[in-house]
Amino acid sequence: MNIGLGRRGDYAVRAVFALAAAYGTGRRKAREIAELMTIPERYLPQILAPLVRQGVLTAVAGPDGGYELARPPGEVTLLEVVETAEGSVSSDHCVLRGGPCDRANGCAMHDPWRRAQSAFSNQLAATTFEDLRLSDRDGKPSLPRRSK
């Protein structure tokens, strides 16, 4: 089994991570984020738009525009970004029978699978982009400083 992010989730997490590292230094252009985080520039606005709609990021158009976190990195969770990009991390699909699975019609896997999904979701919810920034082994991304 592979538990991982799809392309949208991967790009969203990388973009938000770059903006968390640059928090408080001004807005960043999509091309800056794309170059730093190795994300296709033409695809990045499609990734960032849902994050703006969800209130994770703010966006301003124009020559002095760009993207920035709407809240401090310590208030933006990994779960929020992943679910905005990819949808819910939990599933109601029955592991043994296929189709929907709930407590009333649960299979033998229902309770352990639900506990595993809950643990995964709880860990993502407990991890903020400040946590990620502080634990980055390579140091924070170095976006160029913007002049005011």
C-alpha atoms as a PDB file:
ATOM      1  CA  MET A   1       0.000   0.000   0.000  1.00  0.00           C
ATOM      2  CA  ASN A   2       1.267   3.436  -0.854  1.00  0.00           C
ATOM      3  CA  ILE A   3       0.120   6.249   1.409  1.00  0.00           C
ATOM      4  CA  GLY A   4       1.283   9.426  -0.206  1.00  0.00           C
ATOM      5  CA  LEU A   5       0.273  12.663  -1.780  1.00  0.00           C
ATOM      6  CA  GLY A   6      -0.934  13.074  -5.311  1.00  0.00           C
ATOM      7  CA  ARG A   7       0.671  15.722  -7.491  1.00  0.00           C
ATOM      8  CA  ARG A   8      -1.776  18.452  -6.389  1.00  0.00           C
ATOM      9  CA  GLY A   9      -1.157  17.731  -2.702  1.00  0.00           C
ATOM     10  CA  ASP A  10       2.594  17.530  -3.204  1.00  0.00           C
ATOM     11  CA  TYR A  11       2.726  20.873  -5.005  1.00  0.00           C
ATOM     12  CA  ALA A  12       0.363  22.522  -2.496  1.00  0.00           C
ATOM     13  CA  VAL A  13       2.452  21.402   0.486  1.00  0.00           C
ATOM     14  CA  ARG A  14       5.690  22.552  -1.167  1.00  0.00           C
ATOM     15  CA  ALA A  15       4.226  25.939  -2.121  1.00  0.00           C
ATOM     16  CA  VAL A  16       2.794  26.578   1.352  1.00  0.00           C
ATOM     17  CA  PHE A  17       6.080  25.454   2.896  1.00  0.00           C
ATOM     18  CA  ALA A  18       7.950  28.047   0.794  1.00  0.00           C
ATOM     19  CA  LEU A  19       5.482  30.744   1.845  1.00  0.00           C
ATOM     20  CA  ALA A  20       5.764  29.685   5.497  1.00  0.00           C
ATOM     21  CA  ALA A  21       9.542  30.037   5.279  1.00  0.00           C
ATOM     22  CA  ALA A  22       9.102  33.540   3.842  1.00  0.00           C
ATOM     23  CA  TYR A  23       6.317  34.557   6.240  1.00  0.00           C
ATOM     24  CA  GLY A  24       6.478  38.209   7.216  1.00  0.00           C
ATOM     25  CA  THR A  25       8.746  39.226   4.328  1.00  0.00           C
ATOM     26  CA  GLY A  26       6.040  40.147   1.810  1.00  0.00           C
ATOM     27  CA  ARG A  27       4.170  38.562  -1.070  1.00  0.00           C
ATOM     28  CA  ARG A  28       5.844  36.124  -3.458  1.00  0.00           C
ATOM     29  CA  LYS A  29       5.256  35.753  -7.165  1.00  0.00           C
ATOM     30  CA  ALA A  30       4.141  32.370  -8.476  1.00  0.00           C
ATOM     31  CA  ARG A  31       7.307  32.178 -10.589  1.00  0.00           C
ATOM     32  CA  GLU A  32       9.489  32.592  -7.461  1.00  0.00           C
ATOM     33  CA  ILE A  33       7.653  29.815  -5.639  1.00  0.00           C
ATOM     34  CA  ALA A  34       7.655  27.562  -8.704  1.00  0.00           C
ATOM     35  CA  GLU A  35      11.375  27.994  -9.287  1.00  0.00           C
ATOM     36  CA  LEU A  36      12.343  27.475  -5.653  1.00  0.00           C
ATOM     37  CA  MET A  37      10.144  24.436  -5.094  1.00  0.00           C
ATOM     38  CA  THR A  38      10.460  22.875  -8.571  1.00  0.00           C
ATOM     39  CA  ILE A  39       6.777  23.187  -9.437  1.00  0.00           C
ATOM     40  CA  PRO A  40       5.627  23.845 -13.023  1.00  0.00           C
ATOM     41  CA  GLU A  41       4.917  27.592 -13.090  1.00  0.00           C
ATOM     42  CA  ARG A  42       1.909  27.305 -15.391  1.00  0.00           C
ATOM     43  CA  TYR A  43       0.291  24.782 -13.018  1.00  0.00           C
ATOM     44  CA  LEU A  44       0.939  26.633  -9.762  1.00  0.00           C
ATOM     45  CA  PRO A  45      -1.990  29.120  -9.929  1.00  0.00           C
ATOM     46  CA  GLN A  46      -4.379  26.139 -10.232  1.00  0.00           C
ATOM     47  CA  ILE A  47      -2.855  24.703  -7.060  1.00  0.00           C
ATOM     48  CA  LEU A  48      -2.886  27.981  -5.135  1.00  0.00           C
ATOM     49  CA  ALA A  49      -6.426  29.149  -6.069  1.00  0.00           C
ATOM     50  CA  PRO A  50      -8.238  26.656  -3.777  1.00  0.00           C
ATOM     51  CA  LEU A  51      -5.869  27.617  -0.939  1.00  0.00           C
ATOM     52  CA  VAL A  52      -6.849  31.257  -1.447  1.00  0.00           C
ATOM     53  CA  ARG A  53     -10.558  30.323  -1.460  1.00  0.00           C
ATOM     54  CA  GLN A  54     -10.099  28.357   1.797  1.00  0.00           C
ATOM     55  CA  GLY A  55      -8.371  31.290   3.490  1.00  0.00           C
ATOM     56  CA  VAL A  56      -4.963  29.631   3.749  1.00  0.00           C
ATOM     57  CA  LEU A  57      -3.354  32.146   1.373  1.00  0.00           C
ATOM     58  CA  THR A  58      -4.049  35.644   0.192  1.00  0.00           C
ATOM     59  CA  ALA A  59      -3.407  36.742  -3.367  1.00  0.00           C
ATOM     60  CA  VAL A  60      -2.997  40.188  -4.856  1.00  0.00           C
ATOM     61  CA  ALA A  61      -2.837  40.778  -8.610  1.00  0.00           C
ATOM     62  CA  GLY A  62      -0.522  43.264 -10.270  1.00  0.00           C
ATOM     63  CA  PRO A  63       3.143  44.183 -10.369  1.00  0.00           C
ATOM     64  CA  ASP A  64       3.409  44.370  -6.564  1.00  0.00           C
ATOM     65  CA  GLY A  65       1.124  41.394  -6.083  1.00  0.00           C
ATOM     66  CA  GLY A  66       1.731  37.775  -5.279  1.00  0.00           C
ATOM     67  CA  TYR A  67       0.852  35.197  -2.664  1.00  0.00           C
ATOM     68  CA  GLU A  68       1.387  35.005   1.073  1.00  0.00           C
ATOM     69  CA  LEU A  69       0.043  33.065   4.021  1.00  0.00           C
ATOM     70  CA  ALA A  70      -3.226  34.478   5.354  1.00  0.00           C
ATOM     71  CA  ARG A  71      -2.278  33.376   8.881  1.00  0.00           C
ATOM     72  CA  PRO A  72       0.983  32.701  10.713  1.00  0.00           C
ATOM     73  CA  PRO A  73       2.618  29.359   9.793  1.00  0.00           C
ATOM     74  CA  GLY A  74       1.827  28.020  13.266  1.00  0.00           C
ATOM     75  CA  GLU A  75      -1.887  28.354  12.483  1.00  0.00           C
ATOM     76  CA  VAL A  76      -1.818  26.506   9.140  1.00  0.00           C
ATOM     77  CA  THR A  77      -1.939  22.729   9.428  1.00  0.00           C
ATOM     78  CA  LEU A  78      -0.698  20.088   7.068  1.00  0.00           C
ATOM     79  CA  LEU A  79      -4.183  18.518   7.119  1.00  0.00           C
ATOM     80  CA  GLU A  80      -5.804  21.773   6.006  1.00  0.00           C
ATOM     81  CA  VAL A  81      -3.474  22.114   3.018  1.00  0.00           C
ATOM     82  CA  VAL A  82      -3.633  18.440   1.999  1.00  0.00           C
ATOM     83  CA  GLU A  83      -7.429  18.283   2.222  1.00  0.00           C
ATOM     84  CA  THR A  84      -7.806  21.553   0.332  1.00  0.00           C
ATOM     85  CA  ALA A  85      -5.652  20.188  -2.465  1.00  0.00           C
ATOM     86  CA  GLU A  86      -6.805  16.570  -2.542  1.00  0.00           C
ATOM     87  CA  GLY A  87     -10.007  16.182  -0.538  1.00  0.00           C
ATOM     88  CA  SER A  88     -10.590  14.251   2.651  1.00  0.00           C
ATOM     89  CA  VAL A  89      -7.795  11.965   3.836  1.00  0.00           C
ATOM     90  CA  SER A  90     -10.323   9.508   5.259  1.00  0.00           C
ATOM     91  CA  SER A  91     -12.494   7.193   3.239  1.00  0.00           C
ATOM     92  CA  ASP A  92     -15.795   5.426   3.820  1.00  0.00           C
ATOM     93  CA  HIS A  93     -14.878   2.677   1.333  1.00  0.00           C
ATOM     94  CA  CYS A  94     -15.126  -0.808   2.849  1.00  0.00           C
ATOM     95  CA  VAL A  95     -11.766  -2.568   2.731  1.00  0.00           C
ATOM     96  CA  LEU A  96     -13.247  -6.099   2.635  1.00  0.00           C
ATOM     97  CA  ARG A  97     -16.538  -5.683   0.778  1.00  0.00           C
ATOM     98  CA  GLY A  98     -16.155  -2.590  -1.375  1.00  0.00           C
ATOM     99  CA  GLY A  99     -18.792   0.128  -1.309  1.00  0.00           C
ATOM    100  CA  PRO A 100     -19.626   2.272   1.706  1.00  0.00           C
ATOM    101  CA  CYS A 101     -18.627   1.140   5.167  1.00  0.00           C
ATOM    102  CA  ASP A 102     -20.147   2.462   8.364  1.00  0.00           C
ATOM    103  CA  ARG A 103     -20.608   1.200  11.905  1.00  0.00           C
ATOM    104  CA  ALA A 104     -24.046  -0.310  11.140  1.00  0.00           C
ATOM    105  CA  ASN A 105     -22.783  -2.184   8.069  1.00  0.00           C
ATOM    106  CA  GLY A 106     -19.144  -2.410   9.106  1.00  0.00           C
ATOM    107  CA  CYS A 107     -16.884  -5.267   8.197  1.00  0.00           C
ATOM    108  CA  ALA A 108     -14.235  -6.866  10.427  1.00  0.00           C
ATOM    109  CA  MET A 109     -11.756  -4.215   9.256  1.00  0.00           C
ATOM    110  CA  HIS A 110     -14.037  -1.269  10.058  1.00  0.00           C
ATOM    111  CA  ASP A 111     -12.790  -0.365  13.541  1.00  0.00           C
ATOM    112  CA  PRO A 112      -9.029  -0.905  12.999  1.00  0.00           C
ATOM    113  CA  TRP A 113      -9.160   0.878   9.644  1.00  0.00           C
ATOM    114  CA  ARG A 114     -11.084   3.814  11.135  1.00  0.00           C
ATOM    115  CA  ARG A 115      -8.556   4.061  14.000  1.00  0.00           C
ATOM    116  CA  ALA A 116      -5.656   4.078  11.510  1.00  0.00           C
ATOM    117  CA  GLN A 117      -7.337   6.775   9.422  1.00  0.00           C
ATOM    118  CA  SER A 118      -8.026   8.800  12.536  1.00  0.00           C
ATOM    119  CA  ALA A 119      -4.397   8.557  13.687  1.00  0.00           C
ATOM    120  CA  PHE A 120      -3.186   9.670  10.253  1.00  0.00           C
ATOM    121  CA  SER A 121      -5.628  12.574  10.137  1.00  0.00           C
ATOM    122  CA  ASN A 122      -4.830  13.605  13.723  1.00  0.00           C
ATOM    123  CA  GLN A 123      -1.086  13.658  12.995  1.00  0.00           C
ATOM    124  CA  LEU A 124      -1.580  15.867   9.935  1.00  0.00           C
ATOM    125  CA  ALA A 125      -3.880  18.149  11.953  1.00  0.00           C
ATOM    126  CA  ALA A 126      -1.302  18.407  14.746  1.00  0.00           C
ATOM    127  CA  THR A 127       1.492  19.384  12.347  1.00  0.00           C
ATOM    128  CA  THR A 128       1.734  23.044  11.413  1.00  0.00           C
ATOM    129  CA  PHE A 129       3.874  24.663   8.771  1.00  0.00           C
ATOM    130  CA  GLU A 130       5.815  26.299  11.587  1.00  0.00           C
ATOM    131  CA  ASP A 131       6.659  22.803  12.844  1.00  0.00           C
ATOM    132  CA  LEU A 132       7.788  21.832   9.346  1.00  0.00           C
ATOM    133  CA  ARG A 133       9.807  25.009   8.935  1.00  0.00           C
ATOM    134  CA  LEU A 134      11.571  24.504  12.242  1.00  0.00           C
ATOM    135  CA  SER A 135      12.347  20.845  11.578  1.00  0.00           C
ATOM    136  CA  ASP A 136      13.572  21.284   7.995  1.00  0.00           C
ATOM    137  CA  ARG A 137      17.012  19.648   7.910  1.00  0.00           C
ATOM    138  CA  ASP A 138      18.127  21.643   4.870  1.00  0.00           C
ATOM    139  CA  GLY A 139      17.216  24.999   6.363  1.00  0.00           C
ATOM    140  CA  LYS A 140      14.365  27.111   5.181  1.00  0.00           C
ATOM    141  CA  PRO A 141      13.952  27.864   1.478  1.00  0.00           C
ATOM    142  CA  SER A 142      15.700  31.075   0.600  1.00  0.00           C
ATOM    143  CA  LEU A 143      13.295  33.146  -1.402  1.00  0.00           C
ATOM    144  CA  PRO A 144      14.812  36.438  -2.516  1.00  0.00           C
ATOM    145  CA  ARG A 145      13.913  39.404  -0.324  1.00  0.00           C
ATOM    146  CA  ARG A 146      11.402  41.749  -1.899  1.00  0.00           C
ATOM    147  CA  SER A 147      12.040  45.443  -1.774  1.00  0.00           C
ATOM    148  CA  LYS A 148       9.285  47.537  -0.242  1.00  0.00           C
END
